């Protein structure tokens, strides 16, 4: 059986990663999406085990100490990580796995998984990024400012990724990622 591949998608908060990934999953339902663990509270409509596995900071640190994560990071005062065991099992069983993680975690995956394919999603410009973040209406002005400052820093990291996709059209961006996934199997 052919091993699956690991695809890492990153980009600043508000770049539209979640929307592009949802469209990608419609186009490629066999793609496995790895659900991350986080210490942040669920946003309205988010379901535990679907959007994230929501855990206490104490549980997160216990999992970290037990080496249960392929990557982990702190982002705007909350902790995020990707469970290692299910990813290993899916890849061994020939499944392609998609990670939606921020740049700190992506760097850790790049260091650990030499054949991971990395994709950075960017907004068309900073004005659109701010519009998208404000449109969520889920964060205080202070948190919004922190996310915008973080986005400026993260955008500099795109040079370390295999591919950069501008999300000015969700369907086109998802199609570009699907093409990358398909090409990755012909290049191995």
N, C-alpha and C. Protein backbone atom coordinates (compact mmCIF):
# COMPACT_ATOMS: atom_id res chain seq x y z
N UNK A 1 0.83 -1.18 0.00
CA UNK A 1 0.00 0.00 0.00
C UNK A 1 0.88 1.25 0.00
N UNK A 2 0.48 2.22 -0.78
CA UNK A 2 1.19 3.49 -0.86
C UNK A 2 0.89 4.33 0.38
N UNK A 3 1.95 4.91 0.95
CA UNK A 3 1.76 5.81 2.09
C UNK A 3 1.04 7.07 1.66
N UNK A 4 0.29 7.63 2.57
CA UNK A 4 -0.34 8.91 2.34
C UNK A 4 0.67 10.03 2.50
N UNK A 5 0.23 11.23 2.26
CA UNK A 5 1.09 12.41 2.40
C UNK A 5 0.49 13.35 3.43
N UNK A 6 1.35 14.16 4.00
CA UNK A 6 0.94 15.16 4.97
C UNK A 6 0.99 16.53 4.28
N UNK A 7 -0.14 17.25 4.32
CA UNK A 7 -0.24 18.58 3.72
C UNK A 7 -0.50 19.58 4.83
N UNK A 8 0.37 20.56 4.93
CA UNK A 8 0.28 21.57 5.97
C UNK A 8 -0.20 22.88 5.36
N UNK A 9 -1.31 23.39 5.89
CA UNK A 9 -1.82 24.68 5.43
C UNK A 9 -1.70 25.67 6.57
N UNK A 10 -1.09 26.80 6.27
CA UNK A 10 -0.93 27.89 7.24
C UNK A 10 -1.33 29.19 6.58
N UNK A 11 -1.41 30.21 7.40
CA UNK A 11 -1.71 31.54 6.93
C UNK A 11 -2.22 32.35 8.10
N UNK A 12 -2.22 33.64 7.98
CA UNK A 12 -2.67 34.47 9.10
C UNK A 12 -4.15 34.27 9.38
N UNK A 13 -4.53 34.54 10.61
CA UNK A 13 -5.94 34.52 10.99
C UNK A 13 -6.68 35.50 10.09
N UNK A 14 -7.77 35.04 9.49
CA UNK A 14 -8.54 35.88 8.58
C UNK A 14 -8.20 35.69 7.12
N UNK A 15 -7.21 34.84 6.82
CA UNK A 15 -6.85 34.59 5.42
C UNK A 15 -7.90 33.75 4.71
N UNK A 16 -8.76 33.10 5.50
CA UNK A 16 -9.81 32.27 4.90
C UNK A 16 -9.44 30.81 4.80
N UNK A 17 -8.50 30.38 5.63
CA UNK A 17 -8.06 28.98 5.58
C UNK A 17 -9.23 28.02 5.77
N UNK A 18 -10.05 28.29 6.79
CA UNK A 18 -11.16 27.39 7.08
C UNK A 18 -12.14 27.27 5.94
N UNK A 19 -12.44 28.39 5.29
CA UNK A 19 -13.37 28.39 4.16
C UNK A 19 -12.78 27.64 2.96
N UNK A 20 -11.51 27.88 2.70
CA UNK A 20 -10.85 27.18 1.59
C UNK A 20 -10.77 25.68 1.88
N UNK A 21 -10.45 25.32 3.10
CA UNK A 21 -10.36 23.91 3.47
C UNK A 21 -11.72 23.23 3.34
N UNK A 22 -12.79 23.90 3.75
CA UNK A 22 -14.13 23.33 3.61
C UNK A 22 -14.44 23.06 2.14
N UNK A 23 -14.10 24.00 1.27
CA UNK A 23 -14.32 23.80 -0.17
C UNK A 23 -13.44 22.68 -0.69
N UNK A 24 -12.21 22.61 -0.25
CA UNK A 24 -11.29 21.54 -0.65
C UNK A 24 -11.84 20.18 -0.25
N UNK A 25 -12.42 20.08 0.93
CA UNK A 25 -12.98 18.81 1.39
C UNK A 25 -14.20 18.40 0.56
N UNK A 26 -14.94 19.37 0.04
CA UNK A 26 -16.04 19.06 -0.88
C UNK A 26 -15.48 18.47 -2.18
N UNK A 27 -14.38 19.03 -2.65
CA UNK A 27 -13.76 18.59 -3.90
C UNK A 27 -13.03 17.25 -3.73
N UNK A 28 -12.54 16.99 -2.53
CA UNK A 28 -11.69 15.82 -2.27
C UNK A 28 -12.09 15.20 -0.93
N UNK A 29 -13.25 14.54 -0.87
CA UNK A 29 -13.75 14.03 0.42
C UNK A 29 -12.87 12.96 1.06
N UNK A 30 -12.00 12.33 0.29
CA UNK A 30 -11.11 11.30 0.86
C UNK A 30 -9.95 11.91 1.64
N UNK A 31 -9.74 13.19 1.51
CA UNK A 31 -8.70 13.90 2.26
C UNK A 31 -9.10 13.94 3.74
N UNK A 32 -8.21 13.51 4.62
CA UNK A 32 -8.50 13.47 6.05
C UNK A 32 -8.05 14.79 6.68
N UNK A 33 -8.95 15.41 7.42
CA UNK A 33 -8.62 16.66 8.10
C UNK A 33 -8.31 16.34 9.56
N UNK A 34 -7.11 16.71 9.99
CA UNK A 34 -6.70 16.47 11.37
C UNK A 34 -7.25 17.58 12.25
N UNK A 35 -8.00 17.20 13.28
CA UNK A 35 -8.58 18.16 14.21
C UNK A 35 -7.56 18.47 15.30
N UNK A 36 -7.25 19.74 15.45
CA UNK A 36 -6.27 20.19 16.43
C UNK A 36 -6.86 20.24 17.84
N UNK A 37 -5.96 20.27 18.80
CA UNK A 37 -6.32 20.44 20.21
C UNK A 37 -6.05 21.90 20.56
N UNK A 38 -6.93 22.52 21.35
CA UNK A 38 -6.70 23.90 21.78
C UNK A 38 -7.21 24.14 23.19
N UNK A 39 -6.61 25.15 23.81
CA UNK A 39 -7.07 25.57 25.13
C UNK A 39 -8.06 26.73 25.03
N UNK A 40 -8.28 27.27 23.84
CA UNK A 40 -9.20 28.39 23.73
C UNK A 40 -10.64 27.92 23.83
N UNK A 41 -11.51 28.84 24.19
CA UNK A 41 -12.94 28.53 24.31
C UNK A 41 -13.56 28.40 22.92
N UNK A 42 -14.56 27.56 22.78
CA UNK A 42 -15.23 27.44 21.47
C UNK A 42 -15.91 28.75 21.07
N UNK A 43 -15.85 29.06 19.79
CA UNK A 43 -16.61 30.19 19.25
C UNK A 43 -18.04 29.70 19.03
N UNK A 44 -18.98 30.61 18.88
CA UNK A 44 -20.37 30.19 18.63
C UNK A 44 -20.46 29.25 17.43
N UNK A 45 -21.11 28.12 17.63
CA UNK A 45 -21.30 27.15 16.55
C UNK A 45 -20.21 26.09 16.45
N UNK A 46 -19.09 26.28 17.12
CA UNK A 46 -18.02 25.28 17.05
C UNK A 46 -18.37 24.10 17.95
N UNK A 47 -18.12 22.91 17.44
CA UNK A 47 -18.43 21.68 18.15
C UNK A 47 -17.13 20.98 18.52
N UNK A 48 -17.04 20.54 19.77
CA UNK A 48 -15.85 19.82 20.24
C UNK A 48 -15.66 18.57 19.39
N UNK A 49 -14.43 18.36 18.92
CA UNK A 49 -14.11 17.19 18.11
C UNK A 49 -14.31 17.43 16.63
N UNK A 50 -14.94 18.53 16.27
CA UNK A 50 -15.15 18.86 14.86
C UNK A 50 -14.26 20.05 14.48
N UNK A 51 -14.49 21.19 15.11
CA UNK A 51 -13.65 22.36 14.87
C UNK A 51 -12.29 22.15 15.52
N UNK A 52 -12.31 21.79 16.78
CA UNK A 52 -11.13 21.52 17.59
C UNK A 52 -11.52 20.51 18.67
N UNK A 53 -10.50 19.96 19.30
CA UNK A 53 -10.68 19.26 20.57
C UNK A 53 -10.37 20.32 21.62
N UNK A 54 -11.38 20.75 22.36
CA UNK A 54 -11.20 21.81 23.36
C UNK A 54 -10.83 21.16 24.69
N UNK A 55 -9.66 21.56 25.23
CA UNK A 55 -9.18 20.98 26.49
C UNK A 55 -8.74 22.09 27.44
N UNK A 56 -8.62 21.74 28.69
CA UNK A 56 -8.12 22.69 29.69
C UNK A 56 -6.61 22.87 29.50
N UNK A 57 -6.07 23.97 30.00
CA UNK A 57 -4.61 24.15 29.93
C UNK A 57 -3.87 23.00 30.64
N UNK A 58 -4.43 22.50 31.72
CA UNK A 58 -3.79 21.41 32.47
C UNK A 58 -3.74 20.13 31.62
N UNK A 59 -4.83 19.81 30.94
CA UNK A 59 -4.88 18.62 30.08
C UNK A 59 -3.91 18.79 28.91
N UNK A 60 -3.85 19.98 28.35
CA UNK A 60 -2.94 20.25 27.25
C UNK A 60 -1.49 19.98 27.68
N UNK A 61 -1.10 20.52 28.82
CA UNK A 61 0.27 20.34 29.30
C UNK A 61 0.57 18.87 29.59
N UNK A 62 -0.42 18.13 30.07
CA UNK A 62 -0.24 16.69 30.30
C UNK A 62 0.01 15.97 28.98
N UNK A 63 -0.77 16.30 27.95
CA UNK A 63 -0.59 15.68 26.63
C UNK A 63 0.78 16.05 26.05
N UNK A 64 1.19 17.29 26.25
CA UNK A 64 2.49 17.74 25.77
C UNK A 64 3.61 16.95 26.46
N UNK A 65 3.50 16.81 27.75
CA UNK A 65 4.49 16.07 28.52
C UNK A 65 4.57 14.60 28.09
N UNK A 66 3.45 14.04 27.65
CA UNK A 66 3.39 12.65 27.21
C UNK A 66 3.77 12.49 25.72
N UNK A 67 4.28 13.56 25.10
CA UNK A 67 4.74 13.53 23.70
C UNK A 67 3.64 13.06 22.74
N UNK A 68 2.41 13.59 22.94
CA UNK A 68 1.27 13.19 22.12
C UNK A 68 1.06 14.09 20.90
N UNK A 69 1.91 15.10 20.70
CA UNK A 69 1.70 16.06 19.62
C UNK A 69 2.82 16.00 18.59
N UNK A 70 2.46 16.18 17.32
CA UNK A 70 3.47 16.32 16.26
C UNK A 70 4.00 17.75 16.24
N UNK A 71 3.18 18.69 16.73
CA UNK A 71 3.58 20.09 16.82
C UNK A 71 2.70 20.75 17.87
N UNK A 72 3.18 21.87 18.38
CA UNK A 72 2.40 22.65 19.33
C UNK A 72 2.89 24.09 19.30
N UNK A 73 2.00 25.00 19.67
CA UNK A 73 2.37 26.40 19.66
C UNK A 73 1.42 27.20 20.55
N UNK A 74 1.91 28.36 20.93
CA UNK A 74 1.08 29.32 21.66
C UNK A 74 0.75 30.42 20.67
N UNK A 75 -0.52 30.78 20.59
CA UNK A 75 -0.96 31.80 19.66
C UNK A 75 -1.94 32.72 20.37
N UNK A 76 -1.62 33.98 20.47
CA UNK A 76 -2.46 34.99 21.12
C UNK A 76 -3.00 34.46 22.45
N UNK A 77 -2.09 34.02 23.30
CA UNK A 77 -2.37 33.58 24.68
C UNK A 77 -3.10 32.24 24.82
N UNK A 78 -3.32 31.52 23.74
CA UNK A 78 -3.92 30.19 23.83
C UNK A 78 -2.94 29.19 23.23
N UNK A 79 -3.10 27.91 23.60
CA UNK A 79 -2.22 26.86 23.11
C UNK A 79 -2.97 25.99 22.10
N UNK A 80 -2.23 25.56 21.07
CA UNK A 80 -2.78 24.73 20.00
C UNK A 80 -1.78 23.61 19.73
N UNK A 81 -2.28 22.45 19.28
CA UNK A 81 -1.39 21.34 18.95
C UNK A 81 -2.11 20.36 18.03
N UNK A 82 -1.31 19.51 17.40
CA UNK A 82 -1.84 18.47 16.52
C UNK A 82 -1.49 17.11 17.10
N UNK A 83 -2.51 16.27 17.38
CA UNK A 83 -2.24 14.93 17.90
C UNK A 83 -1.45 14.11 16.89
N UNK A 84 -0.43 13.42 17.37
CA UNK A 84 0.49 12.66 16.53
C UNK A 84 -0.06 11.30 16.09
N UNK A 85 -0.64 10.56 17.00
CA UNK A 85 -1.02 9.16 16.74
C UNK A 85 -1.97 9.00 15.55
N UNK A 86 -3.08 9.74 15.48
CA UNK A 86 -3.96 9.51 14.33
C UNK A 86 -3.30 9.85 12.98
N UNK A 87 -2.45 10.87 12.96
CA UNK A 87 -1.77 11.22 11.71
C UNK A 87 -0.89 10.08 11.24
N UNK A 88 -0.11 9.52 12.15
CA UNK A 88 0.76 8.39 11.79
C UNK A 88 -0.06 7.23 11.23
N UNK A 89 -1.19 6.94 11.85
CA UNK A 89 -2.04 5.83 11.41
C UNK A 89 -2.63 6.10 10.03
N UNK A 90 -3.15 7.32 9.83
CA UNK A 90 -3.75 7.64 8.54
C UNK A 90 -2.73 7.55 7.41
N UNK A 91 -1.56 8.16 7.60
CA UNK A 91 -0.53 8.17 6.56
C UNK A 91 -0.08 6.74 6.26
N UNK A 92 0.12 5.92 7.29
CA UNK A 92 0.51 4.53 7.09
C UNK A 92 -0.54 3.75 6.30
N UNK A 93 -1.80 4.14 6.45
CA UNK A 93 -2.90 3.46 5.76
C UNK A 93 -3.24 4.10 4.42
N UNK A 94 -2.32 4.93 3.90
CA UNK A 94 -2.48 5.47 2.56
C UNK A 94 -3.36 6.70 2.44
N UNK A 95 -3.72 7.30 3.55
CA UNK A 95 -4.59 8.49 3.52
C UNK A 95 -3.75 9.76 3.47
N UNK A 96 -4.20 10.71 2.68
CA UNK A 96 -3.60 12.04 2.69
C UNK A 96 -4.23 12.81 3.84
N UNK A 97 -3.39 13.51 4.61
CA UNK A 97 -3.86 14.21 5.80
C UNK A 97 -3.56 15.69 5.66
N UNK A 98 -4.56 16.49 6.03
CA UNK A 98 -4.45 17.93 5.95
C UNK A 98 -4.38 18.52 7.35
N UNK A 99 -3.36 19.34 7.59
CA UNK A 99 -3.23 20.06 8.86
C UNK A 99 -3.45 21.54 8.61
N UNK A 100 -4.28 22.16 9.43
CA UNK A 100 -4.48 23.61 9.41
C UNK A 100 -3.79 24.13 10.66
N UNK A 101 -2.55 24.59 10.52
CA UNK A 101 -1.77 25.00 11.68
C UNK A 101 -1.05 26.31 11.40
N UNK A 102 -0.69 27.00 12.48
CA UNK A 102 0.00 28.27 12.31
C UNK A 102 1.49 28.05 12.10
N UNK A 103 2.20 29.13 11.85
CA UNK A 103 3.57 29.02 11.38
C UNK A 103 4.54 28.38 12.37
N UNK A 104 4.35 28.61 13.67
CA UNK A 104 5.25 27.97 14.65
C UNK A 104 5.15 26.45 14.53
N UNK A 105 3.94 25.96 14.50
CA UNK A 105 3.71 24.52 14.40
C UNK A 105 4.16 23.97 13.06
N UNK A 106 3.93 24.74 12.01
CA UNK A 106 4.34 24.29 10.67
C UNK A 106 5.84 24.10 10.60
N UNK A 107 6.60 24.99 11.23
CA UNK A 107 8.06 24.85 11.26
C UNK A 107 8.47 23.55 11.94
N UNK A 108 7.77 23.20 13.02
CA UNK A 108 8.07 21.95 13.72
C UNK A 108 7.79 20.75 12.81
N UNK A 109 6.68 20.79 12.08
CA UNK A 109 6.35 19.69 11.16
C UNK A 109 7.38 19.62 10.05
N UNK A 110 7.79 20.77 9.51
CA UNK A 110 8.81 20.79 8.45
C UNK A 110 10.10 20.12 8.93
N UNK A 111 10.44 20.33 10.19
CA UNK A 111 11.65 19.74 10.75
C UNK A 111 11.52 18.23 10.97
N UNK A 112 10.31 17.76 11.24
CA UNK A 112 10.09 16.36 11.59
C UNK A 112 9.66 15.48 10.42
N UNK A 113 8.97 16.06 9.45
CA UNK A 113 8.39 15.28 8.34
C UNK A 113 8.95 15.82 7.04
N UNK A 114 9.98 15.18 6.53
CA UNK A 114 10.72 15.72 5.38
C UNK A 114 9.89 15.79 4.11
N UNK A 115 8.89 14.93 3.96
CA UNK A 115 8.10 14.95 2.73
C UNK A 115 6.76 15.67 2.89
N UNK A 116 6.57 16.40 3.98
CA UNK A 116 5.35 17.18 4.14
C UNK A 116 5.30 18.26 3.06
N UNK A 117 4.12 18.49 2.51
CA UNK A 117 3.92 19.52 1.50
C UNK A 117 3.30 20.71 2.22
N UNK A 118 3.95 21.88 2.11
CA UNK A 118 3.51 23.04 2.87
C UNK A 118 2.89 24.10 1.95
N UNK A 119 1.75 24.64 2.39
CA UNK A 119 0.98 25.60 1.60
C UNK A 119 0.63 26.77 2.50
N UNK A 120 0.91 27.97 2.05
CA UNK A 120 0.61 29.17 2.82
C UNK A 120 -0.49 29.94 2.10
N UNK A 121 -1.59 30.21 2.80
CA UNK A 121 -2.71 30.96 2.23
C UNK A 121 -2.62 32.41 2.70
N UNK A 122 -2.70 33.32 1.75
CA UNK A 122 -2.64 34.74 2.06
C UNK A 122 -3.92 35.43 1.59
N UNK A 123 -4.30 36.51 2.28
CA UNK A 123 -5.42 37.31 1.80
C UNK A 123 -4.95 38.16 0.62
N UNK A 124 -5.88 38.76 -0.13
CA UNK A 124 -5.45 39.63 -1.23
C UNK A 124 -4.62 40.81 -0.74
N UNK A 125 -4.94 41.36 0.44
CA UNK A 125 -4.18 42.47 1.02
C UNK A 125 -4.58 42.62 2.49
N UNK A 126 -3.89 43.51 3.20
CA UNK A 126 -4.14 43.69 4.63
C UNK A 126 -5.50 44.33 4.91
N UNK A 127 -5.99 45.16 4.00
CA UNK A 127 -7.30 45.77 4.18
C UNK A 127 -8.38 44.68 4.20
N UNK A 128 -8.27 43.75 3.28
CA UNK A 128 -9.24 42.64 3.24
C UNK A 128 -9.09 41.75 4.46
N UNK A 129 -7.88 41.53 4.90
CA UNK A 129 -7.66 40.72 6.10
C UNK A 129 -8.36 41.34 7.30
N UNK A 130 -8.17 42.64 7.49
CA UNK A 130 -8.81 43.32 8.61
C UNK A 130 -10.34 43.28 8.49
N UNK A 131 -10.84 43.44 7.27
CA UNK A 131 -12.29 43.38 7.05
C UNK A 131 -12.85 42.02 7.46
N UNK A 132 -12.13 40.96 7.08
CA UNK A 132 -12.58 39.61 7.43
C UNK A 132 -12.56 39.39 8.94
N UNK A 133 -11.50 39.82 9.60
CA UNK A 133 -11.41 39.64 11.05
C UNK A 133 -12.50 40.43 11.77
N UNK A 134 -12.72 41.65 11.35
CA UNK A 134 -13.79 42.46 11.98
C UNK A 134 -15.16 41.84 11.72
N UNK A 135 -15.32 41.27 10.55
CA UNK A 135 -16.60 40.67 10.17
C UNK A 135 -17.00 39.48 11.03
N UNK A 136 -16.04 38.84 11.65
CA UNK A 136 -16.34 37.71 12.54
C UNK A 136 -17.13 38.15 13.77
N UNK A 137 -16.79 39.35 14.26
CA UNK A 137 -17.41 39.90 15.47
C UNK A 137 -17.30 38.93 16.66
N UNK A 138 -16.14 38.31 16.78
CA UNK A 138 -15.94 37.34 17.86
C UNK A 138 -14.87 37.77 18.84
N UNK A 139 -14.20 38.91 18.59
CA UNK A 139 -13.07 39.29 19.42
C UNK A 139 -13.12 40.75 19.82
N UNK A 140 -12.51 41.03 20.93
CA UNK A 140 -12.40 42.41 21.39
C UNK A 140 -11.46 43.18 20.46
N UNK A 141 -11.49 44.50 20.57
CA UNK A 141 -10.60 45.33 19.76
C UNK A 141 -9.13 45.01 20.09
N UNK A 142 -8.86 44.74 21.35
CA UNK A 142 -7.49 44.39 21.77
C UNK A 142 -7.04 43.09 21.11
N UNK A 143 -7.92 42.08 21.10
CA UNK A 143 -7.59 40.80 20.48
C UNK A 143 -7.45 40.96 18.96
N UNK A 144 -8.30 41.76 18.37
CA UNK A 144 -8.23 42.02 16.94
C UNK A 144 -6.90 42.67 16.57
N UNK A 145 -6.48 43.65 17.36
CA UNK A 145 -5.20 44.31 17.13
C UNK A 145 -4.05 43.31 17.23
N UNK A 146 -4.12 42.43 18.24
CA UNK A 146 -3.08 41.41 18.40
C UNK A 146 -3.05 40.48 17.20
N UNK A 147 -4.21 40.08 16.68
CA UNK A 147 -4.26 39.20 15.51
C UNK A 147 -3.69 39.89 14.27
N UNK A 148 -3.98 41.18 14.10
CA UNK A 148 -3.44 41.91 12.95
C UNK A 148 -1.92 42.06 13.03
N UNK A 149 -1.42 42.33 14.23
CA UNK A 149 0.04 42.42 14.41
C UNK A 149 0.69 41.07 14.13
N UNK A 150 0.06 40.02 14.63
CA UNK A 150 0.58 38.67 14.41
C UNK A 150 0.56 38.33 12.92
N UNK A 151 -0.50 38.75 12.22
CA UNK A 151 -0.61 38.48 10.79
C UNK A 151 0.56 39.09 10.02
N UNK A 152 0.94 40.31 10.36
CA UNK A 152 2.08 40.96 9.70
C UNK A 152 3.35 40.13 9.87
N UNK A 153 3.56 39.62 11.07
CA UNK A 153 4.72 38.76 11.33
C UNK A 153 4.63 37.46 10.54
N UNK A 154 3.45 36.83 10.57
CA UNK A 154 3.28 35.53 9.90
C UNK A 154 3.45 35.63 8.39
N UNK A 155 3.01 36.72 7.79
CA UNK A 155 3.11 36.86 6.34
C UNK A 155 4.56 36.80 5.87
N UNK A 156 5.49 37.20 6.72
CA UNK A 156 6.91 37.11 6.38
C UNK A 156 7.40 35.67 6.28
N UNK A 157 6.67 34.75 6.90
CA UNK A 157 7.06 33.34 6.93
C UNK A 157 6.73 32.58 5.64
N UNK A 158 5.94 33.18 4.77
CA UNK A 158 5.49 32.46 3.57
C UNK A 158 6.66 31.98 2.70
N UNK A 159 7.81 32.63 2.82
CA UNK A 159 8.97 32.23 2.01
C UNK A 159 9.46 30.82 2.36
N UNK A 160 9.07 30.31 3.51
CA UNK A 160 9.52 28.98 3.94
C UNK A 160 8.60 27.85 3.48
N UNK A 161 7.55 28.19 2.77
CA UNK A 161 6.56 27.20 2.34
C UNK A 161 6.79 26.79 0.89
N UNK A 162 6.35 25.59 0.55
CA UNK A 162 6.49 25.10 -0.82
C UNK A 162 5.61 25.87 -1.79
N UNK A 163 4.43 26.28 -1.33
CA UNK A 163 3.45 26.94 -2.20
C UNK A 163 2.78 28.09 -1.45
N UNK A 164 2.46 29.17 -2.17
CA UNK A 164 1.70 30.29 -1.62
C UNK A 164 0.46 30.47 -2.49
N UNK A 165 -0.70 30.50 -1.85
CA UNK A 165 -1.98 30.64 -2.55
C UNK A 165 -2.66 31.92 -2.07
N UNK A 166 -3.05 32.79 -3.01
CA UNK A 166 -3.80 34.00 -2.66
C UNK A 166 -5.28 33.63 -2.63
N UNK A 167 -5.91 33.86 -1.48
CA UNK A 167 -7.33 33.55 -1.35
C UNK A 167 -8.17 34.78 -1.67
N UNK A 168 -8.31 35.06 -2.96
CA UNK A 168 -9.21 36.11 -3.41
C UNK A 168 -10.47 35.50 -4.01
N UNK A 169 -10.44 34.20 -4.22
CA UNK A 169 -11.60 33.44 -4.70
C UNK A 169 -11.49 32.04 -4.10
N UNK A 170 -12.44 31.68 -3.25
CA UNK A 170 -12.36 30.43 -2.48
C UNK A 170 -12.28 29.21 -3.40
N UNK A 171 -13.13 29.15 -4.40
CA UNK A 171 -13.14 27.97 -5.29
C UNK A 171 -11.83 27.82 -6.03
N UNK A 172 -11.30 28.94 -6.54
CA UNK A 172 -10.03 28.87 -7.26
C UNK A 172 -8.90 28.44 -6.32
N UNK A 173 -8.88 29.01 -5.11
CA UNK A 173 -7.83 28.65 -4.14
C UNK A 173 -7.90 27.16 -3.81
N UNK A 174 -9.11 26.64 -3.60
CA UNK A 174 -9.27 25.21 -3.29
C UNK A 174 -8.82 24.36 -4.47
N UNK A 175 -9.16 24.77 -5.68
CA UNK A 175 -8.73 24.03 -6.88
C UNK A 175 -7.20 24.02 -7.00
N UNK A 176 -6.56 25.14 -6.67
CA UNK A 176 -5.09 25.19 -6.72
C UNK A 176 -4.48 24.20 -5.73
N UNK A 177 -5.05 24.12 -4.54
CA UNK A 177 -4.53 23.19 -3.53
C UNK A 177 -4.77 21.76 -3.98
N UNK A 178 -5.93 21.48 -4.55
CA UNK A 178 -6.21 20.13 -5.05
C UNK A 178 -5.19 19.74 -6.12
N UNK A 179 -4.84 20.67 -7.00
CA UNK A 179 -3.84 20.40 -8.03
C UNK A 179 -2.47 20.10 -7.39
N UNK A 180 -2.14 20.81 -6.33
CA UNK A 180 -0.88 20.56 -5.61
C UNK A 180 -0.89 19.15 -5.02
N UNK A 181 -2.00 18.76 -4.43
CA UNK A 181 -2.12 17.41 -3.84
C UNK A 181 -1.94 16.36 -4.92
N UNK A 182 -2.62 16.52 -6.03
CA UNK A 182 -2.51 15.54 -7.12
C UNK A 182 -1.09 15.46 -7.67
N UNK A 183 -0.46 16.64 -7.86
CA UNK A 183 0.93 16.65 -8.38
C UNK A 183 1.89 15.98 -7.39
N UNK A 184 1.64 16.13 -6.10
CA UNK A 184 2.57 15.56 -5.11
C UNK A 184 2.66 14.05 -5.21
N UNK A 185 1.60 13.41 -5.69
CA UNK A 185 1.62 11.96 -5.81
C UNK A 185 2.35 11.50 -7.08
N UNK A 186 2.43 12.36 -8.06
CA UNK A 186 3.16 11.98 -9.26
C UNK A 186 4.65 12.29 -9.13
N UNK A 187 5.01 13.10 -8.11
CA UNK A 187 6.41 13.49 -7.92
C UNK A 187 7.13 12.59 -6.93
N UNK A 188 6.44 11.64 -6.31
CA UNK A 188 7.10 10.76 -5.32
C UNK A 188 7.55 9.48 -5.93
